[in-house]
């Protein structure tokens, strides 16, 4: 093999190593971290966007480092609902994770999640409490 061919192969191998390293760095550093919390619904309830969650156990995943996270609800490892939230500061840390529910008509509506160990809560819907949930639906 001549010198030009050897240099070409070495240059190509170096380029592949650099490209792979850059790709791994992007995938590792580009991901935002997410916190997970376990909650239990004793009866069916709706999110402010109208999505109904049946009674049962859920994992709530919340991306960190954002004031308006999209909160994800998982049941049995499957994504079943998403809802945009806004972080609201509180004066004390939540002892445990809890859901805040209000009743609109005869429908339970999840208005917030109080994540355990945090001094914030995740509020769903607008500040005036409006929702896309219709009473009795």
N, C-alpha and C. Protein backbone atom coordinates (compact mmCIF):
# COMPACT_ATOMS: atom_id res chain seq x y z
N UNK A 1 0.85 -1.17 0.00
CA UNK A 1 0.00 0.00 0.00
C UNK A 1 0.90 1.24 0.00
N UNK A 2 0.51 2.21 -0.79
CA UNK A 2 1.36 3.40 -0.88
C UNK A 2 1.05 4.36 0.27
N UNK A 3 1.89 5.36 0.42
CA UNK A 3 1.81 6.31 1.53
C UNK A 3 0.51 7.11 1.48
N UNK A 4 0.07 7.49 0.29
CA UNK A 4 -1.18 8.27 0.18
C UNK A 4 -2.38 7.45 0.66
N UNK A 5 -2.40 6.20 0.33
CA UNK A 5 -3.50 5.33 0.75
C UNK A 5 -3.50 5.16 2.26
N UNK A 6 -2.36 5.00 2.88
CA UNK A 6 -2.25 4.85 4.33
C UNK A 6 -2.73 6.13 5.02
N UNK A 7 -2.30 7.28 4.52
CA UNK A 7 -2.73 8.55 5.10
C UNK A 7 -4.25 8.72 4.98
N UNK A 8 -4.80 8.34 3.84
CA UNK A 8 -6.24 8.44 3.63
C UNK A 8 -7.00 7.57 4.64
N UNK A 9 -6.56 6.34 4.82
CA UNK A 9 -7.21 5.43 5.76
C UNK A 9 -7.11 5.96 7.19
N UNK A 10 -5.94 6.46 7.56
CA UNK A 10 -5.76 7.02 8.90
C UNK A 10 -6.63 8.27 9.11
N UNK A 11 -6.71 9.12 8.10
CA UNK A 11 -7.56 10.32 8.18
C UNK A 11 -9.02 9.94 8.33
N UNK A 12 -9.45 8.95 7.55
CA UNK A 12 -10.83 8.49 7.63
C UNK A 12 -11.13 7.91 9.01
N UNK A 13 -10.22 7.10 9.54
CA UNK A 13 -10.43 6.51 10.87
C UNK A 13 -10.49 7.59 11.95
N UNK A 14 -9.63 8.60 11.84
CA UNK A 14 -9.63 9.70 12.80
C UNK A 14 -10.94 10.47 12.73
N UNK A 15 -11.42 10.74 11.52
CA UNK A 15 -12.68 11.45 11.35
C UNK A 15 -13.84 10.67 11.95
N UNK A 16 -13.83 9.35 11.80
CA UNK A 16 -14.89 8.53 12.36
C UNK A 16 -14.87 8.57 13.88
N UNK A 17 -13.68 8.53 14.48
CA UNK A 17 -13.57 8.58 15.94
C UNK A 17 -14.06 9.93 16.45
N UNK A 18 -13.67 11.02 15.80
CA UNK A 18 -14.11 12.35 16.22
C UNK A 18 -15.63 12.48 16.08
N UNK A 19 -16.19 12.03 14.97
CA UNK A 19 -17.64 12.13 14.76
C UNK A 19 -18.41 11.33 15.81
N UNK A 20 -17.93 10.14 16.12
CA UNK A 20 -18.57 9.31 17.14
C UNK A 20 -18.50 9.98 18.50
N UNK A 21 -17.36 10.56 18.84
CA UNK A 21 -17.20 11.24 20.13
C UNK A 21 -18.12 12.43 20.25
N UNK A 22 -18.23 13.22 19.19
CA UNK A 22 -19.11 14.38 19.20
C UNK A 22 -20.57 13.93 19.36
N UNK A 23 -20.96 12.88 18.65
CA UNK A 23 -22.33 12.36 18.76
C UNK A 23 -22.66 11.88 20.16
N UNK A 24 -21.73 11.17 20.79
CA UNK A 24 -21.95 10.70 22.15
C UNK A 24 -22.03 11.86 23.12
N UNK A 25 -21.17 12.86 22.95
CA UNK A 25 -21.19 14.02 23.83
C UNK A 25 -22.53 14.76 23.71
N UNK A 26 -23.03 14.91 22.50
CA UNK A 26 -24.31 15.59 22.31
C UNK A 26 -25.45 14.82 22.97
N UNK A 27 -25.46 13.51 22.80
CA UNK A 27 -26.55 12.73 23.38
C UNK A 27 -26.46 12.71 24.89
N UNK A 28 -25.25 12.75 25.45
CA UNK A 28 -25.13 12.70 26.90
C UNK A 28 -25.41 14.05 27.52
N UNK A 29 -24.81 15.12 26.99
CA UNK A 29 -24.98 16.45 27.56
C UNK A 29 -26.29 17.10 27.13
N UNK A 30 -26.84 16.70 26.00
CA UNK A 30 -28.05 17.33 25.48
C UNK A 30 -29.31 16.91 26.20
N UNK A 31 -29.29 15.82 26.93
CA UNK A 31 -30.49 15.34 27.61
C UNK A 31 -30.69 16.10 28.91
N UNK A 32 -31.92 16.52 29.14
CA UNK A 32 -32.22 17.15 30.42
C UNK A 32 -32.58 16.04 31.39
N UNK A 33 -32.27 16.25 32.64
CA UNK A 33 -32.60 15.23 33.63
C UNK A 33 -34.07 15.32 33.99
N UNK A 34 -34.59 14.22 34.44
CA UNK A 34 -36.01 14.11 34.77
C UNK A 34 -36.15 13.48 36.15
N UNK A 35 -37.04 14.02 36.95
CA UNK A 35 -37.36 13.43 38.26
C UNK A 35 -38.65 12.63 38.13
N UNK A 36 -38.73 11.53 38.86
CA UNK A 36 -39.93 10.69 38.85
C UNK A 36 -40.53 10.62 40.24
N UNK A 37 -41.86 10.61 40.28
CA UNK A 37 -42.60 10.55 41.54
C UNK A 37 -43.73 9.55 41.37
N UNK A 38 -44.07 8.84 42.44
CA UNK A 38 -45.18 7.89 42.42
C UNK A 38 -46.40 8.51 43.08
N UNK A 39 -47.55 8.35 42.42
CA UNK A 39 -48.81 8.83 42.97
C UNK A 39 -49.88 7.76 42.76
N UNK A 40 -50.91 7.83 43.60
CA UNK A 40 -52.05 6.91 43.48
C UNK A 40 -53.33 7.72 43.42
N UNK A 41 -54.15 7.39 42.44
CA UNK A 41 -55.49 7.98 42.33
C UNK A 41 -56.49 6.97 42.88
N UNK A 42 -57.26 7.37 43.89
CA UNK A 42 -58.26 6.47 44.46
C UNK A 42 -59.48 6.33 43.57
N UNK A 43 -59.74 7.35 42.75
CA UNK A 43 -60.85 7.29 41.79
C UNK A 43 -60.43 8.07 40.55
N UNK A 44 -61.17 7.90 39.48
CA UNK A 44 -60.83 8.56 38.21
C UNK A 44 -60.82 10.08 38.39
N UNK A 45 -59.92 10.73 37.65
CA UNK A 45 -59.83 12.19 37.68
C UNK A 45 -59.33 12.66 36.32
N UNK A 46 -59.66 13.90 36.01
CA UNK A 46 -59.22 14.47 34.73
C UNK A 46 -58.12 15.49 34.96
N UNK A 47 -57.28 15.61 33.94
CA UNK A 47 -56.32 16.70 33.92
C UNK A 47 -57.03 17.92 33.38
N UNK A 48 -56.43 19.09 33.51
CA UNK A 48 -57.05 20.32 33.02
C UNK A 48 -57.29 20.29 31.52
N UNK A 49 -56.46 19.52 30.77
CA UNK A 49 -56.63 19.45 29.32
C UNK A 49 -57.75 18.49 28.91
N UNK A 50 -58.42 17.87 29.89
CA UNK A 50 -59.54 16.98 29.60
C UNK A 50 -59.20 15.50 29.57
N UNK A 51 -57.92 15.15 29.64
CA UNK A 51 -57.52 13.74 29.64
C UNK A 51 -57.92 13.10 30.96
N UNK A 52 -58.60 11.95 30.88
CA UNK A 52 -59.04 11.26 32.08
C UNK A 52 -58.03 10.19 32.48
N UNK A 53 -57.70 10.18 33.76
CA UNK A 53 -56.85 9.14 34.33
C UNK A 53 -57.72 8.27 35.23
N UNK A 54 -57.67 6.96 35.02
CA UNK A 54 -58.44 6.02 35.82
C UNK A 54 -57.79 5.85 37.19
N UNK A 55 -58.55 5.32 38.14
CA UNK A 55 -57.99 5.03 39.46
C UNK A 55 -56.81 4.08 39.29
N UNK A 56 -55.76 4.30 40.06
CA UNK A 56 -54.59 3.41 39.99
C UNK A 56 -53.31 4.13 40.34
N UNK A 57 -52.22 3.41 40.15
CA UNK A 57 -50.89 3.93 40.46
C UNK A 57 -50.25 4.51 39.21
N UNK A 58 -49.59 5.65 39.38
CA UNK A 58 -48.94 6.33 38.27
C UNK A 58 -47.54 6.77 38.66
N UNK A 59 -46.68 6.81 37.66
CA UNK A 59 -45.38 7.45 37.80
C UNK A 59 -45.48 8.78 37.09
N UNK A 60 -45.14 9.84 37.81
CA UNK A 60 -45.18 11.19 37.25
C UNK A 60 -43.74 11.60 36.98
N UNK A 61 -43.44 11.92 35.71
CA UNK A 61 -42.09 12.34 35.34
C UNK A 61 -42.09 13.83 35.02
N UNK A 62 -41.12 14.53 35.62
CA UNK A 62 -41.04 15.98 35.50
C UNK A 62 -39.63 16.37 35.06
N UNK A 63 -39.50 17.03 33.90
CA UNK A 63 -38.18 17.51 33.50
C UNK A 63 -37.71 18.61 34.45
N UNK A 64 -36.41 18.58 34.77
CA UNK A 64 -35.85 19.61 35.65
C UNK A 64 -35.39 20.81 34.83
N UNK A 65 -35.08 21.87 35.54
CA UNK A 65 -34.49 23.08 34.96
C UNK A 65 -35.40 23.80 33.98
N UNK A 66 -36.69 23.80 34.24
CA UNK A 66 -37.63 24.58 33.44
C UNK A 66 -38.76 25.07 34.34
N UNK A 67 -39.22 26.27 34.10
CA UNK A 67 -40.31 26.84 34.88
C UNK A 67 -41.68 26.37 34.39
N UNK A 68 -41.73 25.82 33.18
CA UNK A 68 -42.99 25.35 32.60
C UNK A 68 -42.82 23.94 32.04
N UNK A 69 -42.61 22.96 32.92
CA UNK A 69 -42.38 21.60 32.44
C UNK A 69 -43.62 20.93 31.88
N UNK A 70 -43.41 20.01 30.95
CA UNK A 70 -44.50 19.16 30.48
C UNK A 70 -44.45 17.91 31.34
N UNK A 71 -45.44 17.76 32.20
CA UNK A 71 -45.49 16.65 33.15
C UNK A 71 -46.09 15.44 32.44
N UNK A 72 -45.45 14.29 32.61
CA UNK A 72 -45.90 13.06 31.96
C UNK A 72 -46.40 12.07 33.01
N UNK A 73 -47.51 11.42 32.72
CA UNK A 73 -48.10 10.42 33.60
C UNK A 73 -47.95 9.05 32.93
N UNK A 74 -47.36 8.10 33.66
CA UNK A 74 -47.15 6.74 33.15
C UNK A 74 -47.91 5.75 34.03
N UNK A 75 -48.49 4.75 33.38
CA UNK A 75 -49.16 3.66 34.07
C UNK A 75 -48.64 2.36 33.47
N UNK A 76 -48.09 1.50 34.31
CA UNK A 76 -47.54 0.25 33.81
C UNK A 76 -46.41 0.47 32.82
N UNK A 77 -45.66 1.56 32.98
CA UNK A 77 -44.55 1.86 32.09
C UNK A 77 -44.95 2.52 30.77
N UNK A 78 -46.24 2.72 30.57
CA UNK A 78 -46.74 3.31 29.32
C UNK A 78 -47.18 4.76 29.56
N UNK A 79 -46.76 5.67 28.68
CA UNK A 79 -47.19 7.06 28.77
C UNK A 79 -48.69 7.13 28.48
N UNK A 80 -49.46 7.67 29.44
CA UNK A 80 -50.91 7.74 29.26
C UNK A 80 -51.43 9.18 29.19
N UNK A 81 -50.63 10.15 29.63
CA UNK A 81 -51.10 11.54 29.58
C UNK A 81 -49.93 12.50 29.76
N UNK A 82 -50.12 13.71 29.20
CA UNK A 82 -49.16 14.80 29.37
C UNK A 82 -49.96 16.06 29.71
N UNK A 83 -49.36 16.92 30.48
CA UNK A 83 -50.01 18.19 30.82
C UNK A 83 -48.93 19.23 31.09
N UNK A 84 -49.10 20.40 30.51
CA UNK A 84 -48.17 21.51 30.74
C UNK A 84 -48.43 22.06 32.14
N UNK A 85 -47.37 22.35 32.87
CA UNK A 85 -47.50 22.88 34.22
C UNK A 85 -46.64 24.13 34.39
N UNK A 86 -46.86 24.79 35.50
CA UNK A 86 -46.03 25.93 35.86
C UNK A 86 -45.55 25.72 37.29
N UNK A 87 -44.24 25.93 37.51
CA UNK A 87 -43.71 25.80 38.87
C UNK A 87 -44.17 26.98 39.71
N UNK A 88 -44.63 26.66 40.92
CA UNK A 88 -45.05 27.70 41.86
C UNK A 88 -44.32 27.45 43.18
N UNK A 89 -43.58 28.44 43.63
CA UNK A 89 -42.82 28.31 44.88
C UNK A 89 -43.74 28.21 46.09
N UNK A 90 -43.27 27.46 47.09
CA UNK A 90 -43.96 27.33 48.36
C UNK A 90 -42.96 27.64 49.47
N UNK A 91 -43.46 27.96 50.64
CA UNK A 91 -42.56 28.33 51.74
C UNK A 91 -41.90 27.13 52.41
N UNK A 92 -42.48 25.94 52.28
CA UNK A 92 -41.89 24.74 52.88
C UNK A 92 -41.82 23.62 51.86
N UNK A 93 -40.94 22.66 52.13
CA UNK A 93 -40.82 21.49 51.25
C UNK A 93 -42.00 20.55 51.48
N UNK A 94 -42.41 19.88 50.41
CA UNK A 94 -43.46 18.87 50.51
C UNK A 94 -42.87 17.62 51.17
N UNK A 95 -43.56 17.12 52.21
CA UNK A 95 -43.08 15.91 52.89
C UNK A 95 -43.15 14.69 51.96
N UNK A 96 -44.22 14.61 51.20
CA UNK A 96 -44.40 13.49 50.28
C UNK A 96 -45.11 13.99 49.03
N UNK A 97 -45.12 13.17 48.00
CA UNK A 97 -45.77 13.56 46.75
C UNK A 97 -47.28 13.42 46.89
N UNK A 98 -48.00 14.44 46.48
CA UNK A 98 -49.46 14.43 46.57
C UNK A 98 -50.05 15.13 45.36
N UNK A 99 -51.27 14.74 45.03
CA UNK A 99 -52.04 15.40 43.97
C UNK A 99 -53.05 16.34 44.61
N UNK A 100 -53.24 17.50 44.02
CA UNK A 100 -54.29 18.41 44.45
C UNK A 100 -55.45 18.26 43.47
N UNK A 101 -56.65 18.04 43.99
CA UNK A 101 -57.82 17.87 43.15
C UNK A 101 -58.90 18.86 43.54
N UNK A 102 -59.63 19.34 42.55
CA UNK A 102 -60.83 20.16 42.75
C UNK A 102 -61.97 19.45 42.05
N UNK A 103 -63.20 19.82 42.42
CA UNK A 103 -64.36 19.25 41.77
C UNK A 103 -65.02 20.32 40.91
N UNK A 104 -65.22 19.98 39.64
CA UNK A 104 -65.95 20.85 38.71
C UNK A 104 -67.18 20.05 38.32
N UNK A 105 -68.36 20.54 38.73
CA UNK A 105 -69.58 19.74 38.55
C UNK A 105 -69.44 18.51 39.44
N UNK A 106 -69.47 17.34 38.85
CA UNK A 106 -69.23 16.12 39.63
C UNK A 106 -67.98 15.40 39.12
N UNK A 107 -67.04 16.17 38.53
CA UNK A 107 -65.82 15.61 37.99
C UNK A 107 -64.61 16.06 38.81
N UNK A 108 -63.80 15.11 39.24
CA UNK A 108 -62.55 15.44 39.93
C UNK A 108 -61.51 15.87 38.91
N UNK A 109 -60.85 17.00 39.18
CA UNK A 109 -59.85 17.55 38.27
C UNK A 109 -58.53 17.72 39.03
N UNK A 110 -57.46 17.18 38.45
CA UNK A 110 -56.13 17.33 39.05
C UNK A 110 -55.64 18.74 38.72
N UNK A 111 -55.44 19.55 39.75
CA UNK A 111 -55.03 20.93 39.54
C UNK A 111 -53.54 21.15 39.79
N UNK A 112 -52.91 20.23 40.55
CA UNK A 112 -51.49 20.41 40.84
C UNK A 112 -50.89 19.10 41.36
N UNK A 113 -49.58 19.02 41.25
CA UNK A 113 -48.80 17.95 41.85
C UNK A 113 -47.83 18.61 42.82
N UNK A 114 -47.79 18.10 44.06
CA UNK A 114 -46.84 18.56 45.06
C UNK A 114 -45.76 17.50 45.19
N UNK A 115 -44.64 17.64 44.46
CA UNK A 115 -43.60 16.60 44.49
C UNK A 115 -42.88 16.55 45.84
N UNK A 116 -42.76 15.36 46.39
CA UNK A 116 -42.07 15.17 47.66
C UNK A 116 -40.63 15.67 47.61
N UNK A 117 -40.22 16.37 48.66
CA UNK A 117 -38.86 16.87 48.76
C UNK A 117 -38.61 18.19 48.06
N UNK A 118 -39.62 18.73 47.37
CA UNK A 118 -39.46 19.99 46.66
C UNK A 118 -40.20 21.11 47.40
N UNK A 119 -39.73 22.33 47.24
CA UNK A 119 -40.43 23.47 47.82
C UNK A 119 -41.22 24.22 46.74
N UNK A 120 -41.59 23.49 45.70
CA UNK A 120 -42.46 24.00 44.64
C UNK A 120 -43.59 23.01 44.41
N UNK A 121 -44.60 23.50 43.72
CA UNK A 121 -45.62 22.59 43.24
C UNK A 121 -45.81 22.85 41.75
N UNK A 122 -46.33 21.87 41.05
CA UNK A 122 -46.57 21.94 39.62
C UNK A 122 -48.06 22.20 39.42
N UNK A 123 -48.37 23.41 38.96
CA UNK A 123 -49.76 23.82 38.82
C UNK A 123 -50.19 23.67 37.37
N UNK A 124 -51.34 23.02 37.16
CA UNK A 124 -51.89 22.83 35.82
C UNK A 124 -52.94 23.89 35.55
N UNK A 125 -53.06 24.32 34.30
CA UNK A 125 -54.08 25.30 33.93
C UNK A 125 -53.60 26.71 34.18
N UNK A 126 -54.47 27.66 33.94
CA UNK A 126 -54.12 29.06 34.08
C UNK A 126 -54.26 29.52 35.52
N UNK A 127 -53.74 30.70 35.77
CA UNK A 127 -53.78 31.26 37.12
C UNK A 127 -55.20 31.48 37.61
N UNK A 128 -56.15 31.70 36.69
CA UNK A 128 -57.53 31.95 37.11
C UNK A 128 -58.31 30.66 37.32
N UNK A 129 -57.62 29.50 37.15
CA UNK A 129 -58.25 28.23 37.44
C UNK A 129 -59.10 27.66 36.32
N UNK A 130 -59.07 28.28 35.14
CA UNK A 130 -59.88 27.76 34.05
C UNK A 130 -59.36 26.41 33.57
N UNK A 131 -60.23 25.64 32.99
CA UNK A 131 -59.86 24.31 32.51
C UNK A 131 -60.69 23.97 31.29
N UNK A 132 -60.27 22.96 30.58
CA UNK A 132 -61.02 22.47 29.44
C UNK A 132 -61.99 21.37 29.83
N UNK A 133 -62.17 21.14 31.12
CA UNK A 133 -63.05 20.10 31.60
C UNK A 133 -64.46 20.65 31.71
N UNK A 134 -65.41 19.93 31.14
CA UNK A 134 -66.81 20.33 31.21
C UNK A 134 -67.44 19.68 32.43
N UNK A 135 -68.22 20.40 33.21
CA UNK A 135 -68.88 19.83 34.39
C UNK A 135 -69.70 18.60 34.02
N UNK A 136 -69.50 17.56 34.83
CA UNK A 136 -70.27 16.34 34.65
C UNK A 136 -69.84 15.49 33.49
N UNK A 137 -68.72 15.83 32.84
CA UNK A 137 -68.30 15.03 31.69
C UNK A 137 -67.33 13.94 32.08
